């Protein structure tokens, strides 16, 4: 069994301005190390795509609807308006319009589950902070509902199909740890709502102990690499690309890969 370090010197990560760590950063390291190196070590800034903004638009539509006592139609109209404001900047306008056509279906399936909790709506994008092995983590939940001393955290994921990525569970585990420590030590429910254009599924996040062990091991592997790498080139010589990895779907990322690794 691996013996985990009680704490890690945070200065190791401060050199590259990585603190606080966000769930997306630890998941990037775990799932796509080359992408992590390109973005956080070399400083590449890749454009977002329509799918990324789809979820944000729907969340803001729901927030507007719940916080201003608006109808479902008004909430959807807000979501479409937010999406349109962002979509005009996308390079691939065909993909942007295809996503827009499905926005209503994603929205309605999300609302099917969330609407009964409307009267308990408490906050959107509340910042949550915690520490793991002494390393500060920060993130923002999507929706929090409060009924007396009972808290329900619901993180919305819009996806083309009901796939359950392990990275999503890592994110929710970090959120739950932070909520347990700072907001609701008891009576806390953390759920992940996955909405597709056809249906939705709700997953409750219960025991997070195994996820915490995974995160701790990932932090140690990151820290060990950062200790021995004295330059960007050192990182690139140790973290090398798998050309068959599905994460290489973006043309800008592929061009960056060719610049750094030559393949």
Protein backbone atom coordinates (compact mmCIF):
# COMPACT_ATOMS: atom_id res chain seq x y z
CA UNK A 1 0.00 0.00 0.00
CA UNK A 2 1.26 3.47 -0.90
CA UNK A 3 2.01 5.63 2.13
CA UNK A 4 0.48 9.05 1.51
CA UNK A 5 2.25 12.19 2.63
CA UNK A 6 0.42 14.18 5.34
CA UNK A 7 0.98 17.45 3.48
CA UNK A 8 2.61 18.76 0.31
CA UNK A 9 4.56 22.00 0.10
CA UNK A 10 2.26 24.29 -1.86
CA UNK A 11 5.24 26.29 -3.16
CA UNK A 12 5.76 23.45 -5.62
CA UNK A 13 2.61 24.53 -7.46
CA UNK A 14 2.88 28.27 -6.89
CA UNK A 15 5.68 28.61 -9.45
CA UNK A 16 3.17 27.96 -12.23
CA UNK A 17 0.33 29.90 -10.59
CA UNK A 18 -1.77 26.77 -10.11
CA UNK A 19 -3.26 27.57 -6.72
CA UNK A 20 -5.90 27.19 -5.69
CA UNK A 21 -6.35 23.97 -7.61
CA UNK A 22 -9.72 23.63 -9.27
CA UNK A 23 -11.36 20.25 -9.94
CA UNK A 24 -10.84 20.85 -13.66
CA UNK A 25 -7.08 21.17 -13.12
CA UNK A 26 -6.66 17.97 -11.13
CA UNK A 27 -8.88 16.16 -13.63
CA UNK A 28 -6.85 17.54 -16.53
CA UNK A 29 -3.73 16.11 -14.95
CA UNK A 30 -5.39 12.75 -14.31
CA UNK A 31 -7.17 12.35 -17.66
CA UNK A 32 -5.03 14.24 -20.18
CA UNK A 33 -1.53 15.03 -18.86
CA UNK A 34 -0.37 16.47 -22.20
CA UNK A 35 -3.30 18.86 -22.20
CA UNK A 36 -2.34 19.88 -18.67
CA UNK A 37 1.25 20.56 -19.76
CA UNK A 38 0.14 22.58 -22.79
CA UNK A 39 -2.29 24.75 -20.85
CA UNK A 40 -0.72 25.18 -17.42
CA UNK A 41 2.99 24.78 -18.09
CA UNK A 42 3.34 26.25 -21.58
CA UNK A 43 0.44 28.67 -21.22
CA UNK A 44 -1.58 27.80 -24.32
CA UNK A 45 -5.08 29.29 -24.23
CA UNK A 46 -7.46 27.15 -26.26
CA UNK A 47 -10.82 28.42 -27.45
CA UNK A 48 -13.95 26.94 -25.91
CA UNK A 49 -16.53 25.13 -28.01
CA UNK A 50 -20.35 25.30 -28.22
CA UNK A 51 -20.81 22.24 -25.98
CA UNK A 52 -19.00 23.98 -23.13
CA UNK A 53 -21.27 27.02 -23.32
CA UNK A 54 -24.41 24.94 -23.71
CA UNK A 55 -24.32 23.97 -20.04
CA UNK A 56 -23.53 27.49 -18.84
CA UNK A 57 -26.44 28.92 -20.83
CA UNK A 58 -28.89 26.42 -19.40
CA UNK A 59 -27.65 26.96 -15.84
CA UNK A 60 -28.06 30.73 -16.17
CA UNK A 61 -31.54 30.28 -17.59
CA UNK A 62 -32.54 28.11 -14.63
CA UNK A 63 -30.93 30.53 -12.17
CA UNK A 64 -32.84 33.43 -13.74
CA UNK A 65 -36.05 31.45 -13.61
CA UNK A 66 -35.70 30.41 -9.96
CA UNK A 67 -34.23 33.61 -8.54
CA UNK A 68 -36.68 35.96 -10.30
CA UNK A 69 -39.80 33.76 -10.10
CA UNK A 70 -40.05 33.46 -13.87
CA UNK A 71 -41.90 30.90 -15.98
CA UNK A 72 -40.26 27.98 -17.74
CA UNK A 73 -40.68 29.76 -21.09
CA UNK A 74 -38.94 32.86 -19.70
CA UNK A 75 -36.13 30.72 -18.31
CA UNK A 76 -35.61 29.05 -21.67
CA UNK A 77 -35.68 32.41 -23.43
CA UNK A 78 -32.94 33.61 -21.08
CA UNK A 79 -30.85 30.49 -21.75
CA UNK A 80 -31.15 31.00 -25.51
CA UNK A 81 -30.24 34.67 -25.18
CA UNK A 82 -27.11 33.86 -23.17
CA UNK A 83 -26.11 31.17 -25.66
CA UNK A 84 -26.60 33.50 -28.64
CA UNK A 85 -24.35 36.12 -27.05
CA UNK A 86 -21.55 33.55 -26.79
CA UNK A 87 -22.21 31.64 -30.01
CA UNK A 88 -21.36 34.57 -32.28
CA UNK A 89 -17.70 34.16 -31.29
CA UNK A 90 -17.43 30.47 -32.24
CA UNK A 91 -15.37 29.58 -35.29
CA UNK A 92 -17.61 26.64 -36.16
CA UNK A 93 -21.00 28.28 -36.63
CA UNK A 94 -22.59 25.09 -37.98
CA UNK A 95 -21.84 23.27 -34.71
CA UNK A 96 -23.03 26.30 -32.76
CA UNK A 97 -26.40 26.28 -34.50
CA UNK A 98 -26.81 22.51 -34.04
CA UNK A 99 -26.26 22.93 -30.31
CA UNK A 100 -28.78 25.78 -30.21
CA UNK A 101 -31.44 23.59 -31.83
CA UNK A 102 -31.10 21.10 -28.96
CA UNK A 103 -30.88 23.67 -26.17
CA UNK A 104 -34.61 23.55 -25.44
CA UNK A 105 -34.57 19.76 -25.01
CA UNK A 106 -31.63 19.94 -22.60
CA UNK A 107 -33.33 22.73 -20.69
CA UNK A 108 -36.68 20.95 -20.34
CA UNK A 109 -35.12 17.69 -19.16
CA UNK A 110 -33.11 19.62 -16.57
CA UNK A 111 -36.22 21.44 -15.38
CA UNK A 112 -38.22 18.19 -15.14
CA UNK A 113 -36.04 17.24 -12.19
CA UNK A 114 -35.24 20.66 -10.71
CA UNK A 115 -38.66 22.35 -10.80
CA UNK A 116 -40.03 20.64 -7.62
CA UNK A 117 -37.11 22.13 -5.65
CA UNK A 118 -37.72 25.69 -6.85
CA UNK A 119 -39.15 26.90 -3.54
CA UNK A 120 -36.01 25.77 -1.72
CA UNK A 121 -33.64 27.57 -4.09
CA UNK A 122 -30.77 29.15 -2.16
CA UNK A 123 -27.83 29.96 -4.41
CA UNK A 124 -26.03 29.50 -7.71
CA UNK A 125 -22.28 29.16 -8.22
CA UNK A 126 -21.42 29.33 -4.53
CA UNK A 127 -17.67 29.16 -3.97
CA UNK A 128 -16.45 26.16 -2.01
CA UNK A 129 -12.96 25.89 -0.55
CA UNK A 130 -11.11 23.02 1.07
CA UNK A 131 -7.62 21.56 1.45
CA UNK A 132 -6.28 18.17 0.46
CA UNK A 133 -2.81 17.23 1.73
CA UNK A 134 -2.40 20.91 2.57
CA UNK A 135 -3.07 22.03 -1.01
CA UNK A 136 -5.94 24.55 -1.34
CA UNK A 137 -8.80 23.61 -3.65
CA UNK A 138 -11.60 25.86 -4.84
CA UNK A 139 -14.67 25.41 -6.98
CA UNK A 140 -18.23 26.57 -7.54
CA UNK A 141 -21.33 24.45 -7.23
CA UNK A 142 -24.17 24.88 -9.67
CA UNK A 143 -27.30 24.90 -7.51
CA UNK A 144 -27.91 24.75 -3.76
CA UNK A 145 -31.35 24.15 -2.29
CA UNK A 146 -32.05 24.61 1.44
CA UNK A 147 -34.99 23.29 3.43
CA UNK A 148 -34.49 24.20 7.08
CA UNK A 149 -31.14 22.68 8.04
CA UNK A 150 -31.14 20.32 5.05
CA UNK A 151 -28.92 21.15 2.08
CA UNK A 152 -29.11 19.68 -1.40
CA UNK A 153 -26.29 20.43 -3.85
CA UNK A 154 -27.09 19.63 -7.47
CA UNK A 155 -24.42 19.90 -10.15
CA UNK A 156 -25.85 19.94 -13.68
CA UNK A 157 -24.07 18.20 -16.54
CA UNK A 158 -25.50 18.48 -20.07
CA UNK A 159 -24.30 15.67 -22.30
CA UNK A 160 -25.28 14.19 -25.63
CA UNK A 161 -25.68 10.81 -23.91
CA UNK A 162 -25.77 9.48 -20.36
CA UNK A 163 -22.06 8.84 -19.93
CA UNK A 164 -20.71 8.91 -16.40
CA UNK A 165 -17.13 10.13 -16.46
CA UNK A 166 -14.98 9.37 -13.46
CA UNK A 167 -13.74 12.96 -13.55
CA UNK A 168 -17.28 14.12 -12.72
CA UNK A 169 -17.24 12.04 -9.54
CA UNK A 170 -13.84 13.45 -8.57
CA UNK A 171 -15.27 16.96 -8.94
CA UNK A 172 -18.32 16.17 -6.82
CA UNK A 173 -16.19 14.55 -4.11
CA UNK A 174 -14.18 17.77 -3.77
CA UNK A 175 -17.38 19.81 -3.56
CA UNK A 176 -18.85 17.51 -0.93
CA UNK A 177 -15.70 17.64 1.20
CA UNK A 178 -15.78 21.45 1.12
CA UNK A 179 -19.50 21.61 1.89
CA UNK A 180 -19.17 19.20 4.81
CA UNK A 181 -16.38 21.30 6.28
CA UNK A 182 -17.82 24.78 5.83
CA UNK A 183 -21.57 24.79 5.26
CA UNK A 184 -23.40 21.62 6.20
CA UNK A 185 -21.60 19.09 8.39
CA UNK A 186 -24.88 17.17 8.57
CA UNK A 187 -28.02 16.81 6.47
CA UNK A 188 -26.15 17.27 3.19
CA UNK A 189 -27.08 15.64 -0.10
CA UNK A 190 -24.81 16.02 -3.14
CA UNK A 191 -26.23 14.99 -6.50
CA UNK A 192 -25.14 15.08 -10.10
CA UNK A 193 -27.90 15.69 -12.64
CA UNK A 194 -26.98 14.47 -16.12
CA UNK A 195 -29.36 15.84 -18.75
CA UNK A 196 -29.42 14.79 -22.40
CA UNK A 197 -31.82 15.93 -25.15
CA UNK A 198 -33.91 12.79 -24.48
CA UNK A 199 -33.81 12.12 -20.73
CA UNK A 200 -32.01 12.71 -17.48
CA UNK A 201 -30.39 10.70 -14.70
CA UNK A 202 -29.62 11.66 -11.12
CA UNK A 203 -26.63 10.23 -9.30
CA UNK A 204 -26.19 10.69 -5.57
CA UNK A 205 -22.66 11.15 -4.28
CA UNK A 206 -22.37 9.26 -0.98
CA UNK A 207 -19.06 7.87 0.31
CA UNK A 208 -16.18 9.99 -1.02
CA UNK A 209 -13.29 8.27 0.80
CA UNK A 210 -12.00 6.35 -2.23
CA UNK A 211 -12.19 9.47 -4.41
CA UNK A 212 -10.16 11.37 -1.81
CA UNK A 213 -7.47 8.69 -1.90
CA UNK A 214 -7.34 8.99 -5.69
CA UNK A 215 -6.97 12.76 -5.49
CA UNK A 216 -4.22 12.46 -2.87
CA UNK A 217 -2.26 10.05 -5.05
CA UNK A 218 -2.68 12.37 -8.03
CA UNK A 219 -1.40 15.32 -6.00
CA UNK A 220 1.66 13.34 -4.94
CA UNK A 221 2.42 12.32 -8.53
CA UNK A 222 2.06 15.96 -9.63
CA UNK A 223 4.30 17.18 -6.81
CA UNK A 224 6.97 14.58 -7.59
CA UNK A 225 7.03 15.64 -11.24
CA UNK A 226 7.14 19.33 -10.37
CA UNK A 227 10.08 18.72 -8.04
CA UNK A 228 12.28 17.24 -10.75
CA UNK A 229 11.24 19.49 -13.65
CA UNK A 230 13.31 22.66 -13.79
CA UNK A 231 12.00 23.86 -17.13
CA UNK A 232 9.05 23.52 -19.50
CA UNK A 233 11.14 21.27 -21.67
CA UNK A 234 11.61 18.89 -18.75
CA UNK A 235 7.85 18.48 -18.47
CA UNK A 236 7.53 17.82 -22.21
CA UNK A 237 10.28 15.20 -22.11
CA UNK A 238 8.52 13.23 -19.36
CA UNK A 239 4.86 13.72 -20.32
CA UNK A 240 4.62 12.55 -23.91
CA UNK A 241 1.55 12.36 -26.17
CA UNK A 242 -0.56 9.35 -27.04
CA UNK A 243 -1.71 10.24 -30.55
CA UNK A 244 -4.70 7.91 -30.25
CA UNK A 245 -6.11 9.70 -27.21
CA UNK A 246 -9.62 10.99 -27.95
CA UNK A 247 -8.79 14.28 -26.23
CA UNK A 248 -6.89 15.34 -29.36
CA UNK A 249 -10.07 16.49 -31.10
CA UNK A 250 -9.32 20.19 -31.30
CA UNK A 251 -7.28 21.57 -34.20
CA UNK A 252 -5.60 24.19 -32.01
CA UNK A 253 -4.53 21.54 -29.51
CA UNK A 254 -3.12 19.35 -32.28
CA UNK A 255 -1.13 22.28 -33.67
CA UNK A 256 0.22 23.03 -30.18
CA UNK A 257 1.18 19.37 -29.78
CA UNK A 258 3.14 19.53 -33.02
CA UNK A 259 4.93 22.67 -31.85
CA UNK A 260 5.99 21.11 -28.55
CA UNK A 261 6.48 17.42 -29.38
CA UNK A 262 6.85 17.54 -33.16
CA UNK A 263 4.12 14.94 -33.79
